[in-house]
Amino acid sequence: MMEMIVDGLSWLLLAGGGFFVLVGGVGVIRMPDLYTRIHAASVTETLGTMLILIGLMLHSGWELATFKLLAILVFLLFTGPVSSYALGNTALLGGLKPELGSQDPSKEGRDL
């Protein structure tokens, strides 16, 4: 009985992580400028990856693979936000301004 609960929770986490990765990938394609694309990519990188790796840890049980997945998770949780910040800061220092909205009044309020 307990094995079925852990297995179901594992698949739920894997499906949730896959959903966030899919939404983040669509966000990277659809967002208008670099800064919003960085946000979509960082959500994918942290939340989606975290859910997938925790689901895999639950699925594998108490084995060596679980501790390796935990090490990967800790590494990604430290390096992902730092790399997103470095990319955004470099773009800002390089002169790339964030897109604040439409400059054409006739396009205000329209969905693209």
PDB file of N, CA and C in Angstrom:
ATOM      1  N   MET A   1       0.822  -1.196   0.000  1.00  0.00           N
ATOM      2  CA  MET A   1       0.000   0.000   0.000  1.00  0.00           C
ATOM      3  C   MET A   1       0.868   1.263   0.000  1.00  0.00           C
ATOM      4  N   MET A   2       1.887   1.275   0.870  1.00  0.00           N
ATOM      5  CA  MET A   2       2.770   2.436   0.950  1.00  0.00           C
ATOM      6  C   MET A   2       3.547   2.617  -0.350  1.00  0.00           C
ATOM      7  N   GLU A   3       3.903   1.513  -0.976  1.00  0.00           N
ATOM      8  CA  GLU A   3       4.641   1.577  -2.237  1.00  0.00           C
ATOM      9  C   GLU A   3       3.793   2.233  -3.329  1.00  0.00           C
ATOM     10  N   MET A   4       2.504   1.958  -3.339  1.00  0.00           N
ATOM     11  CA  MET A   4       1.609   2.580  -4.324  1.00  0.00           C
ATOM     12  C   MET A   4       1.483   4.080  -4.094  1.00  0.00           C
ATOM     13  N   ILE A   5       1.459   4.503  -2.842  1.00  0.00           N
ATOM     14  CA  ILE A   5       1.359   5.933  -2.529  1.00  0.00           C
ATOM     15  C   ILE A   5       2.626   6.666  -2.968  1.00  0.00           C
ATOM     16  N   VAL A   6       3.786   6.079  -2.667  1.00  0.00           N
ATOM     17  CA  VAL A   6       5.058   6.693  -3.058  1.00  0.00           C
ATOM     18  C   VAL A   6       5.181   6.725  -4.576  1.00  0.00           C
ATOM     19  N   ASP A   7       4.752   5.649  -5.235  1.00  0.00           N
ATOM     20  CA  ASP A   7       4.806   5.600  -6.692  1.00  0.00           C
ATOM     21  C   ASP A   7       3.877   6.646  -7.307  1.00  0.00           C
ATOM     22  N   GLY A   8       2.680   6.788  -6.758  1.00  0.00           N
ATOM     23  CA  GLY A   8       1.748   7.796  -7.262  1.00  0.00           C
ATOM     24  C   GLY A   8       2.258   9.207  -7.047  1.00  0.00           C
ATOM     25  N   LEU A   9       2.835   9.458  -5.878  1.00  0.00           N
ATOM     26  CA  LEU A   9       3.412  10.773  -5.597  1.00  0.00           C
ATOM     27  C   LEU A   9       4.585  11.064  -6.529  1.00  0.00           C
ATOM     28  N   SER A  10       5.380  10.035  -6.793  1.00  0.00           N
ATOM     29  CA  SER A  10       6.502  10.185  -7.711  1.00  0.00           C
ATOM     30  C   SER A  10       6.023  10.578  -9.102  1.00  0.00           C
ATOM     31  N   TRP A  11       5.005   9.892  -9.604  1.00  0.00           N
ATOM     32  CA  TRP A  11       4.482  10.213 -10.929  1.00  0.00           C
ATOM     33  C   TRP A  11       3.805  11.584 -10.947  1.00  0.00           C
ATOM     34  N   LEU A  12       3.188  11.973  -9.852  1.00  0.00           N
ATOM     35  CA  LEU A  12       2.578  13.293  -9.767  1.00  0.00           C
ATOM     36  C   LEU A  12       3.648  14.387  -9.846  1.00  0.00           C
ATOM     37  N   LEU A  13       4.747  14.190  -9.131  1.00  0.00           N
ATOM     38  CA  LEU A  13       5.844  15.157  -9.185  1.00  0.00           C
ATOM     39  C   LEU A  13       6.487  15.204 -10.569  1.00  0.00           C
ATOM     40  N   LEU A  14       6.649  14.046 -11.199  1.00  0.00           N
ATOM     41  CA  LEU A  14       7.220  14.018 -12.547  1.00  0.00           C
ATOM     42  C   LEU A  14       6.308  14.729 -13.549  1.00  0.00           C
ATOM     43  N   ALA A  15       5.000  14.504 -13.428  1.00  0.00           N
ATOM     44  CA  ALA A  15       4.057  15.174 -14.330  1.00  0.00           C
ATOM     45  C   ALA A  15       4.038  16.681 -14.077  1.00  0.00           C
ATOM     46  N   GLY A  16       4.070  17.092 -12.809  1.00  0.00           N
ATOM     47  CA  GLY A  16       4.116  18.516 -12.493  1.00  0.00           C
ATOM     48  C   GLY A  16       5.383  19.173 -13.005  1.00  0.00           C
ATOM     49  N   GLY A  17       6.509  18.498 -12.851  1.00  0.00           N
ATOM     50  CA  GLY A  17       7.768  19.033 -13.377  1.00  0.00           C
ATOM     51  C   GLY A  17       7.755  19.132 -14.887  1.00  0.00           C
ATOM     52  N   GLY A  18       7.204  18.119 -15.541  1.00  0.00           N
ATOM     53  CA  GLY A  18       7.082  18.167 -17.003  1.00  0.00           C
ATOM     54  C   GLY A  18       6.189  19.312 -17.461  1.00  0.00           C
ATOM     55  N   PHE A  19       5.118  19.571 -16.703  1.00  0.00           N
ATOM     56  CA  PHE A  19       4.232  20.691 -17.024  1.00  0.00           C
ATOM     57  C   PHE A  19       4.978  22.022 -16.928  1.00  0.00           C
ATOM     58  N   PHE A  20       5.739  22.216 -15.853  1.00  0.00           N
ATOM     59  CA  PHE A  20       6.470  23.473 -15.697  1.00  0.00           C
ATOM     60  C   PHE A  20       7.562  23.627 -16.756  1.00  0.00           C
ATOM     61  N   VAL A  21       8.190  22.544 -17.149  1.00  0.00           N
ATOM     62  CA  VAL A  21       9.197  22.615 -18.212  1.00  0.00           C
ATOM     63  C   VAL A  21       8.534  22.999 -19.533  1.00  0.00           C
ATOM     64  N   LEU A  22       7.365  22.427 -19.810  1.00  0.00           N
ATOM     65  CA  LEU A  22       6.640  22.761 -21.033  1.00  0.00           C
ATOM     66  C   LEU A  22       6.205  24.225 -21.038  1.00  0.00           C
ATOM     67  N   VAL A  23       5.634  24.690 -19.942  1.00  0.00           N
ATOM     68  CA  VAL A  23       5.192  26.086 -19.850  1.00  0.00           C
ATOM     69  C   VAL A  23       6.388  27.031 -19.947  1.00  0.00           C
ATOM     70  N   GLY A  24       7.502  26.685 -19.328  1.00  0.00           N
ATOM     71  CA  GLY A  24       8.696  27.527 -19.420  1.00  0.00           C
ATOM     72  C   GLY A  24       9.251  27.571 -20.829  1.00  0.00           C
ATOM     73  N   GLY A  25       9.205  26.445 -21.530  1.00  0.00           N
ATOM     74  CA  GLY A  25       9.663  26.430 -22.919  1.00  0.00           C
ATOM     75  C   GLY A  25       8.795  27.291 -23.817  1.00  0.00           C
ATOM     76  N   VAL A  26       7.490  27.243 -23.619  1.00  0.00           N
ATOM     77  CA  VAL A  26       6.583  28.104 -24.377  1.00  0.00           C
ATOM     78  C   VAL A  26       6.837  29.566 -24.011  1.00  0.00           C
ATOM     79  N   GLY A  27       7.103  29.823 -22.730  1.00  0.00           N
ATOM     80  CA  GLY A  27       7.390  31.192 -22.302  1.00  0.00           C
ATOM     81  C   GLY A  27       8.659  31.746 -22.924  1.00  0.00           C
ATOM     82  N   VAL A  28       9.664  30.913 -23.071  1.00  0.00           N
ATOM     83  CA  VAL A  28      10.913  31.367 -23.690  1.00  0.00           C
ATOM     84  C   VAL A  28      10.673  31.745 -25.145  1.00  0.00           C
ATOM     85  N   ILE A  29       9.797  31.035 -25.803  1.00  0.00           N
ATOM     86  CA  ILE A  29       9.505  31.337 -27.209  1.00  0.00           C
ATOM     87  C   ILE A  29       8.611  32.570 -27.344  1.00  0.00           C
ATOM     88  N   ARG A  30       7.626  32.720 -26.469  1.00  0.00           N
ATOM     89  CA  ARG A  30       6.606  33.753 -26.637  1.00  0.00           C
ATOM     90  C   ARG A  30       6.906  35.094 -25.989  1.00  0.00           C
ATOM     91  N   MET A  31       7.789  35.138 -25.029  1.00  0.00           N
ATOM     92  CA  MET A  31       8.037  36.395 -24.326  1.00  0.00           C
ATOM     93  C   MET A  31       8.749  37.403 -25.228  1.00  0.00           C
ATOM     94  N   PRO A  32       8.496  38.718 -24.998  1.00  0.00           N
ATOM     95  CA  PRO A  32       8.964  39.721 -25.956  1.00  0.00           C
ATOM     96  C   PRO A  32      10.439  40.105 -25.852  1.00  0.00           C
ATOM     97  N   ASP A  33      11.027  40.085 -24.674  1.00  0.00           N
ATOM     98  CA  ASP A  33      12.404  40.551 -24.574  1.00  0.00           C
ATOM     99  C   ASP A  33      13.239  39.590 -23.732  1.00  0.00           C
ATOM    100  N   LEU A  34      14.517  39.874 -23.654  1.00  0.00           N
ATOM    101  CA  LEU A  34      15.465  38.989 -22.982  1.00  0.00           C
ATOM    102  C   LEU A  34      15.136  38.803 -21.509  1.00  0.00           C
ATOM    103  N   TYR A  35      14.730  39.841 -20.842  1.00  0.00           N
ATOM    104  CA  TYR A  35      14.524  39.767 -19.399  1.00  0.00           C
ATOM    105  C   TYR A  35      13.338  38.880 -19.031  1.00  0.00           C
ATOM    106  N   THR A  36      12.264  38.966 -19.785  1.00  0.00           N
ATOM    107  CA  THR A  36      11.131  38.081 -19.510  1.00  0.00           C
ATOM    108  C   THR A  36      11.440  36.651 -19.934  1.00  0.00           C
ATOM    109  N   ARG A  37      12.247  36.489 -20.947  1.00  0.00           N
ATOM    110  CA  ARG A  37      12.672  35.138 -21.345  1.00  0.00           C
ATOM    111  C   ARG A  37      13.572  34.509 -20.292  1.00  0.00           C
ATOM    112  N   ILE A  38      14.424  35.313 -19.667  1.00  0.00           N
ATOM    113  CA  ILE A  38      15.260  34.810 -18.578  1.00  0.00           C
ATOM    114  C   ILE A  38      14.384  34.321 -17.437  1.00  0.00           C
ATOM    115  N   HIS A  39      13.321  35.077 -17.142  1.00  0.00           N
ATOM    116  CA  HIS A  39      12.419  34.664 -16.066  1.00  0.00           C
ATOM    117  C   HIS A  39      11.762  33.329 -16.385  1.00  0.00           C
ATOM    118  N   ALA A  40      11.277  33.172 -17.609  1.00  0.00           N
ATOM    119  CA  ALA A  40      10.645  31.904 -18.010  1.00  0.00           C
ATOM    120  C   ALA A  40      11.639  30.753 -17.943  1.00  0.00           C
ATOM    121  N   ALA A  41      12.853  30.999 -18.370  1.00  0.00           N
ATOM    122  CA  ALA A  41      13.869  29.942 -18.337  1.00  0.00           C
ATOM    123  C   ALA A  41      14.277  29.590 -16.914  1.00  0.00           C
ATOM    124  N   SER A  42      14.339  30.584 -16.038  1.00  0.00           N
ATOM    125  CA  SER A  42      14.752  30.288 -14.666  1.00  0.00           C
ATOM    126  C   SER A  42      13.666  29.544 -13.899  1.00  0.00           C
ATOM    127  N   VAL A  43      12.394  29.809 -14.195  1.00  0.00           N
ATOM    128  CA  VAL A  43      11.312  29.033 -13.580  1.00  0.00           C
ATOM    129  C   VAL A  43      11.411  27.578 -14.019  1.00  0.00           C
ATOM    130  N   THR A  44      11.671  27.382 -15.300  1.00  0.00           N
ATOM    131  CA  THR A  44      11.842  26.029 -15.813  1.00  0.00           C
ATOM    132  C   THR A  44      13.026  25.356 -15.145  1.00  0.00           C
ATOM    133  N   GLU A  45      14.094  26.096 -15.035  1.00  0.00           N
ATOM    134  CA  GLU A  45      15.335  25.521 -14.513  1.00  0.00           C
ATOM    135  C   GLU A  45      15.237  25.166 -13.033  1.00  0.00           C
ATOM    136  N   THR A  46      14.547  25.979 -12.263  1.00  0.00           N
ATOM    137  CA  THR A  46      14.490  25.694 -10.831  1.00  0.00           C
ATOM    138  C   THR A  46      13.293  24.833 -10.466  1.00  0.00           C
ATOM    139  N   LEU A  47      12.087  25.297 -10.721  1.00  0.00           N
ATOM    140  CA  LEU A  47      10.905  24.575 -10.264  1.00  0.00           C
ATOM    141  C   LEU A  47      10.690  23.281 -11.039  1.00  0.00           C
ATOM    142  N   GLY A  48      10.767  23.341 -12.368  1.00  0.00           N
ATOM    143  CA  GLY A  48      10.564  22.131 -13.163  1.00  0.00           C
ATOM    144  C   GLY A  48      11.606  21.066 -12.876  1.00  0.00           C
ATOM    145  N   THR A  49      12.852  21.466 -12.822  1.00  0.00           N
ATOM    146  CA  THR A  49      13.927  20.517 -12.548  1.00  0.00           C
ATOM    147  C   THR A  49      13.826  19.962 -11.136  1.00  0.00           C
ATOM    148  N   MET A  50      13.459  20.813 -10.185  1.00  0.00           N
ATOM    149  CA  MET A  50      13.337  20.363  -8.805  1.00  0.00           C
ATOM    150  C   MET A  50      12.243  19.303  -8.683  1.00  0.00           C
ATOM    151  N   LEU A  51      11.085  19.540  -9.282  1.00  0.00           N
ATOM    152  CA  LEU A  51      10.003  18.563  -9.198  1.00  0.00           C
ATOM    153  C   LEU A  51      10.377  17.244  -9.875  1.00  0.00           C
ATOM    154  N   ILE A  52      11.023  17.324 -11.020  1.00  0.00           N
ATOM    155  CA  ILE A  52      11.417  16.111 -11.731  1.00  0.00           C
ATOM    156  C   ILE A  52      12.442  15.321 -10.928  1.00  0.00           C
ATOM    157  N   LEU A  53      13.439  16.000 -10.390  1.00  0.00           N
ATOM    158  CA  LEU A  53      14.472  15.286  -9.634  1.00  0.00           C
ATOM    159  C   LEU A  53      13.927  14.702  -8.330  1.00  0.00           C
ATOM    160  N   ILE A  54      13.020  15.408  -7.659  1.00  0.00           N
ATOM    161  CA  ILE A  54      12.427  14.844  -6.445  1.00  0.00           C
ATOM    162  C   ILE A  54      11.562  13.637  -6.792  1.00  0.00           C
ATOM    163  N   GLY A  55      10.833  13.723  -7.903  1.00  0.00           N
ATOM    164  CA  GLY A  55      10.057  12.567  -8.358  1.00  0.00           C
ATOM    165  C   GLY A  55      10.937  11.377  -8.672  1.00  0.00           C
ATOM    166  N   LEU A  56      12.070  11.613  -9.300  1.00  0.00           N
ATOM    167  CA  LEU A  56      13.010  10.523  -9.592  1.00  0.00           C
ATOM    168  C   LEU A  56      13.621   9.950  -8.319  1.00  0.00           C
ATOM    169  N   MET A  57      13.879  10.825  -7.332  1.00  0.00           N
ATOM    170  CA  MET A  57      14.417  10.330  -6.056  1.00  0.00           C
ATOM    171  C   MET A  57      13.402   9.437  -5.350  1.00  0.00           C
ATOM    172  N   LEU A  58      12.148   9.831  -5.352  1.00  0.00           N
ATOM    173  CA  LEU A  58      11.123   8.986  -4.743  1.00  0.00           C
ATOM    174  C   LEU A  58      10.986   7.663  -5.482  1.00  0.00           C
ATOM    175  N   HIS A  59      11.088   7.714  -6.795  1.00  0.00           N
ATOM    176  CA  HIS A  59      10.944   6.508  -7.615  1.00  0.00           C
ATOM    177  C   HIS A  59      12.102   5.531  -7.420  1.00  0.00           C
ATOM    178  N   SER A  60      13.300   6.051  -7.182  1.00  0.00           N
ATOM    179  CA  SER A  60      14.465   5.167  -7.076  1.00  0.00           C
ATOM    180  C   SER A  60      14.627   4.545  -5.695  1.00  0.00           C
ATOM    181  N   GLY A  61      14.032   5.159  -4.676  1.00  0.00           N
ATOM    182  CA  GLY A  61      14.171   4.601  -3.327  1.00  0.00           C
ATOM    183  C   GLY A  61      15.492   5.021  -2.693  1.00  0.00           C
ATOM    184  N   TRP A  62      15.884   4.290  -1.632  1.00  0.00           N
ATOM    185  CA  TRP A  62      17.120   4.621  -0.909  1.00  0.00           C
ATOM    186  C   TRP A  62      18.302   3.901  -1.534  1.00  0.00           C
ATOM    187  N   GLU A  63      18.782   4.423  -2.638  1.00  0.00           N
ATOM    188  CA  GLU A  63      19.931   3.854  -3.337  1.00  0.00           C
ATOM    189  C   GLU A  63      20.957   4.951  -3.580  1.00  0.00           C
ATOM    190  N   LEU A  64      22.062   4.553  -4.178  1.00  0.00           N
ATOM    191  CA  LEU A  64      23.114   5.512  -4.503  1.00  0.00           C
ATOM    192  C   LEU A  64      22.609   6.556  -5.497  1.00  0.00           C
ATOM    193  N   ALA A  65      21.723   6.148  -6.390  1.00  0.00           N
ATOM    194  CA  ALA A  65      21.181   7.079  -7.387  1.00  0.00           C
ATOM    195  C   ALA A  65      20.447   8.239  -6.721  1.00  0.00           C
ATOM    196  N   THR A  66      19.791   7.982  -5.596  1.00  0.00           N
ATOM    197  CA  THR A  66      19.067   9.034  -4.884  1.00  0.00           C
ATOM    198  C   THR A  66      20.025  10.114  -4.395  1.00  0.00           C
ATOM    199  N   PHE A  67      21.154   9.721  -3.866  1.00  0.00           N
ATOM    200  CA  PHE A  67      22.112  10.691  -3.360  1.00  0.00           C
ATOM    201  C   PHE A  67      22.797  11.450  -4.502  1.00  0.00           C
ATOM    202  N   LYS A  68      22.978  10.788  -5.627  1.00  0.00           N
ATOM    203  CA  LYS A  68      23.513  11.486  -6.797  1.00  0.00           C
ATOM    204  C   LYS A  68      22.516  12.510  -7.318  1.00  0.00           C
ATOM    205  N   LEU A  69      21.236  12.134  -7.359  1.00  0.00           N
ATOM    206  CA  LEU A  69      20.208  13.076  -7.788  1.00  0.00           C
ATOM    207  C   LEU A  69      20.093  14.255  -6.818  1.00  0.00           C
ATOM    208  N   LEU A  70      20.260  13.990  -5.541  1.00  0.00           N
ATOM    209  CA  LEU A  70      20.238  15.065  -4.551  1.00  0.00           C
ATOM    210  C   LEU A  70      21.406  16.029  -4.765  1.00  0.00           C
ATOM    211  N   ALA A  71      22.585  15.489  -5.074  1.00  0.00           N
ATOM    212  CA  ALA A  71      23.747  16.344  -5.344  1.00  0.00           C
ATOM    213  C   ALA A  71      23.515  17.198  -6.591  1.00  0.00           C
ATOM    214  N   ILE A  72      22.916  16.607  -7.614  1.00  0.00           N
ATOM    215  CA  ILE A  72      22.597  17.364  -8.829  1.00  0.00           C
ATOM    216  C   ILE A  72      21.592  18.460  -8.516  1.00  0.00           C
ATOM    217  N   LEU A  73      20.580  18.131  -7.706  1.00  0.00           N
ATOM    218  CA  LEU A  73      19.563  19.106  -7.341  1.00  0.00           C
ATOM    219  C   LEU A  73      20.162  20.289  -6.588  1.00  0.00           C
ATOM    220  N   VAL A  74      21.005  20.016  -5.615  1.00  0.00           N
ATOM    221  CA  VAL A  74      21.638  21.097  -4.845  1.00  0.00           C
ATOM    222  C   VAL A  74      22.505  21.956  -5.758  1.00  0.00           C
ATOM    223  N   PHE A  75      23.256  21.321  -6.638  1.00  0.00           N
ATOM    224  CA  PHE A  75      24.102  22.062  -7.571  1.00  0.00           C
ATOM    225  C   PHE A  75      23.262  22.970  -8.464  1.00  0.00           C
ATOM    226  N   LEU A  76      22.162  22.447  -9.011  1.00  0.00           N
ATOM    227  CA  LEU A  76      21.323  23.243  -9.903  1.00  0.00           C
ATOM    228  C   LEU A  76      20.598  24.373  -9.169  1.00  0.00           C
ATOM    229  N   LEU A  77      20.211  24.128  -7.922  1.00  0.00           N
ATOM    230  CA  LEU A  77      19.524  25.179  -7.173  1.00  0.00           C
ATOM    231  C   LEU A  77      20.453  26.333  -6.806  1.00  0.00           C
ATOM    232  N   PHE A  78      21.749  26.077  -6.737  1.00  0.00           N
ATOM    233  CA  PHE A  78      22.695  27.163  -6.478  1.00  0.00           C
ATOM    234  C   PHE A  78      23.146  27.852  -7.758  1.00  0.00           C
ATOM    235  N   THR A  79      23.360  27.105  -8.819  1.00  0.00           N
ATOM    236  CA  THR A  79      23.922  27.704 -10.029  1.00  0.00           C
ATOM    237  C   THR A  79      22.877  28.311 -10.961  1.00  0.00           C
ATOM    238  N   GLY A  80      21.651  27.812 -10.962  1.00  0.00           N
ATOM    239  CA  GLY A  80      20.623  28.317 -11.870  1.00  0.00           C
ATOM    240  C   GLY A  80      20.282  29.777 -11.654  1.00  0.00           C
ATOM    241  N   PRO A  81      19.893  30.173 -10.448  1.00  0.00           N
ATOM    242  CA  PRO A  81      19.586  31.593 -10.228  1.00  0.00           C
ATOM    243  C   PRO A  81      20.794  32.510 -10.413  1.00  0.00           C
ATOM    244  N   VAL A  82      21.973  32.030 -10.074  1.00  0.00           N
ATOM    245  CA  VAL A  82      23.174  32.853 -10.242  1.00  0.00           C
ATOM    246  C   VAL A  82      23.453  33.103 -11.724  1.00  0.00           C
ATOM    247  N   SER A  83      23.292  32.084 -12.542  1.00  0.00           N
ATOM    248  CA  SER A  83      23.537  32.269 -13.980  1.00  0.00           C
ATOM    249  C   SER A  83      22.466  33.167 -14.607  1.00  0.00           C
ATOM    250  N   SER A  84      21.211  33.060 -14.161  1.00  0.00           N
ATOM    251  CA  SER A  84      20.162  33.944 -14.675  1.00  0.00           C
ATOM    252  C   SER A  84      20.444  35.394 -14.291  1.00  0.00           C
ATOM    253  N   TYR A  85      20.859  35.601 -13.058  1.00  0.00           N
ATOM    254  CA  TYR A  85      21.204  36.953 -12.617  1.00  0.00           C
ATOM    255  C   TYR A  85      22.388  37.497 -13.426  1.00  0.00           C
ATOM    256  N   ALA A  86      23.406  36.684 -13.625  1.00  0.00           N
ATOM    257  CA  ALA A  86      24.588  37.141 -14.366  1.00  0.00           C
ATOM    258  C   ALA A  86      24.228  37.504 -15.803  1.00  0.00           C
ATOM    259  N   LEU A  87      23.370  36.720 -16.423  1.00  0.00           N
ATOM    260  CA  LEU A  87      22.953  37.014 -17.795  1.00  0.00           C
ATOM    261  C   LEU A  87      22.156  38.317 -17.858  1.00  0.00           C
ATOM    262  N   GLY A  88      21.206  38.489 -16.937  1.00  0.00           N
ATOM    263  CA  GLY A  88      20.412  39.718 -16.921  1.00  0.00           C
ATOM    264  C   GLY A  88      21.242  40.945 -16.589  1.00  0.00           C
ATOM    265  N   ASN A  89      22.150  40.825 -15.650  1.00  0.00           N
ATOM    266  CA  ASN A  89      22.996  41.948 -15.270  1.00  0.00           C
ATOM    267  C   ASN A  89      23.946  42.328 -16.405  1.00  0.00           C
ATOM    268  N   THR A  90      24.482  41.330 -17.077  1.00  0.00           N
ATOM    269  CA  THR A  90      25.365  41.615 -18.211  1.00  0.00           C
ATOM    270  C   THR A  90      24.619  42.306 -19.337  1.00  0.00           C
ATOM    271  N   ALA A  91      23.392  41.875 -19.602  1.00  0.00           N
ATOM    272  CA  ALA A  91      22.592  42.524 -20.644  1.00  0.00           C
ATOM    273  C   ALA A  91      22.273  43.964 -20.263  1.00  0.00           C
ATOM    274  N   LEU A  92      21.958  44.194 -19.000  1.00  0.00           N
ATOM    275  CA  LEU A  92      21.650  45.550 -18.548  1.00  0.00           C
ATOM    276  C   LEU A  92      22.883  46.449 -18.620  1.00  0.00           C
ATOM    277  N   LEU A  93      24.028  45.927 -18.194  1.00  0.00           N
ATOM    278  CA  LEU A  93      25.264  46.705 -18.272  1.00  0.00           C
ATOM    279  C   LEU A  93      25.702  46.922 -19.721  1.00  0.00           C
ATOM    280  N   GLY A  94      25.320  46.010 -20.598  1.00  0.00           N
ATOM    281  CA  GLY A  94      25.641  46.158 -22.011  1.00  0.00           C
ATOM    282  C   GLY A  94      24.745  47.133 -22.741  1.00  0.00           C
ATOM    283  N   GLY A  95      23.725  47.642 -22.051  1.00  0.00           N
ATOM    284  CA  GLY A  95      22.878  48.661 -22.659  1.00  0.00           C
ATOM    285  C   GLY A  95      21.550  48.157 -23.180  1.00  0.00           C
ATOM    286  N   LEU A  96      21.219  46.910 -22.984  1.00  0.00           N
ATOM    287  CA  LEU A  96      19.938  46.385 -23.445  1.00  0.00           C
ATOM    288  C   LEU A  96      18.847  46.784 -22.454  1.00  0.00           C
ATOM    289  N   LYS A  97      17.935  47.604 -22.915  1.00  0.00           N
ATOM    290  CA  LYS A  97      16.869  48.093 -22.048  1.00  0.00           C
ATOM    291  C   LYS A  97      15.690  47.118 -22.054  1.00  0.00           C
ATOM    292  N   PRO A  98      15.027  46.969 -20.908  1.00  0.00           N
ATOM    293  CA  PRO A  98      13.825  46.123 -20.875  1.00  0.00           C
ATOM    294  C   PRO A  98      12.702  46.746 -21.699  1.00  0.00           C
ATOM    295  N   GLU A  99      11.909  45.904 -22.336  1.00  0.00           N
ATOM    296  CA  GLU A  99      10.758  46.382 -23.091  1.00  0.00           C
ATOM    297  C   GLU A  99       9.632  46.644 -22.101  1.00  0.00           C
ATOM    298  N   LEU A 100       9.207  47.911 -22.004  1.00  0.00           N
ATOM    299  CA  LEU A 100       8.233  48.287 -20.983  1.00  0.00           C
ATOM    300  C   LEU A 100       6.803  48.286 -21.483  1.00  0.00           C
ATOM    301  N   GLY A 101       6.600  48.104 -22.732  1.00  0.00           N
ATOM    302  CA  GLY A 101       5.244  48.094 -23.275  1.00  0.00           C
ATOM    303  C   GLY A 101       5.241  48.641 -24.678  1.00  0.00           C
ATOM    304  N   SER A 102       4.084  48.702 -25.247  1.00  0.00           N
ATOM    305  CA  SER A 102       3.928  49.179 -26.612  1.00  0.00           C
ATOM    306  C   SER A 102       4.114  50.691 -26.663  1.00  0.00           C
ATOM    307  N   GLN A 103       4.831  51.180 -27.648  1.00  0.00           N
ATOM    308  CA  GLN A 103       5.036  52.615 -27.834  1.00  0.00           C
ATOM    309  C   GLN A 103       3.970  53.204 -28.762  1.00  0.00           C
ATOM    310  N   ASP A 104       3.265  52.361 -29.489  1.00  0.00           N
ATOM    311  CA  ASP A 104       2.237  52.801 -30.429  1.00  0.00           C
ATOM    312  C   ASP A 104       0.881  52.814 -29.708  1.00  0.00           C
ATOM    313  N   PRO A 105       0.236  53.982 -29.559  1.00  0.00           N
ATOM    314  CA  PRO A 105      -1.037  54.038 -28.821  1.00  0.00           C
ATOM    315  C   PRO A 105      -2.140  53.220 -29.475  1.00  0.00           C
ATOM    316  N   SER A 106      -2.054  52.986 -30.784  1.00  0.00           N
ATOM    317  CA  SER A 106      -3.101  52.217 -31.463  1.00  0.00           C
ATOM    318  C   SER A 106      -3.028  50.730 -31.087  1.00  0.00           C
ATOM    319  N   LYS A 107      -1.906  50.262 -30.545  1.00  0.00           N
ATOM    320  CA  LYS A 107      -1.747  48.856 -30.183  1.00  0.00           C
ATOM    321  C   LYS A 107      -1.978  48.609 -28.690  1.00  0.00           C
ATOM    322  N   GLU A 108      -2.320  49.653 -27.941  1.00  0.00           N
ATOM    323  CA  GLU A 108      -2.530  49.485 -26.502  1.00  0.00           C
ATOM    324  C   GLU A 108      -3.707  48.574 -26.237  1.00  0.00           C
ATOM    325  N   GLY A 109      -3.502  47.599 -25.382  1.00  0.00           N
ATOM    326  CA  GLY A 109      -4.583  46.715 -24.976  1.00  0.00           C
ATOM    327  C   GLY A 109      -4.816  45.536 -25.884  1.00  0.00           C
ATOM    328  N   ARG A 110      -4.100  45.447 -26.976  1.00  0.00           N
ATOM    329  CA  ARG A 110      -4.277  44.323 -27.900  1.00  0.00           C
ATOM    330  C   ARG A 110      -3.355  43.164 -27.513  1.00  0.00           C
ATOM    331  N   ASP A 111      -3.858  41.976 -27.697  1.00  0.00           N
ATOM    332  CA  ASP A 111      -3.021  40.785 -27.506  1.00  0.00           C
ATOM    333  C   ASP A 111      -2.272  40.503 -28.799  1.00  0.00           C
ATOM    334  N   LEU A 112      -1.032  40.137 -28.664  1.00  0.00           N
ATOM    335  CA  LEU A 112      -0.235  39.832 -29.859  1.00  0.00           C
ATOM    336  C   LEU A 112      -0.378  38.414 -30.233  1.00  0.00           C
TER     337      LEU A 112
END
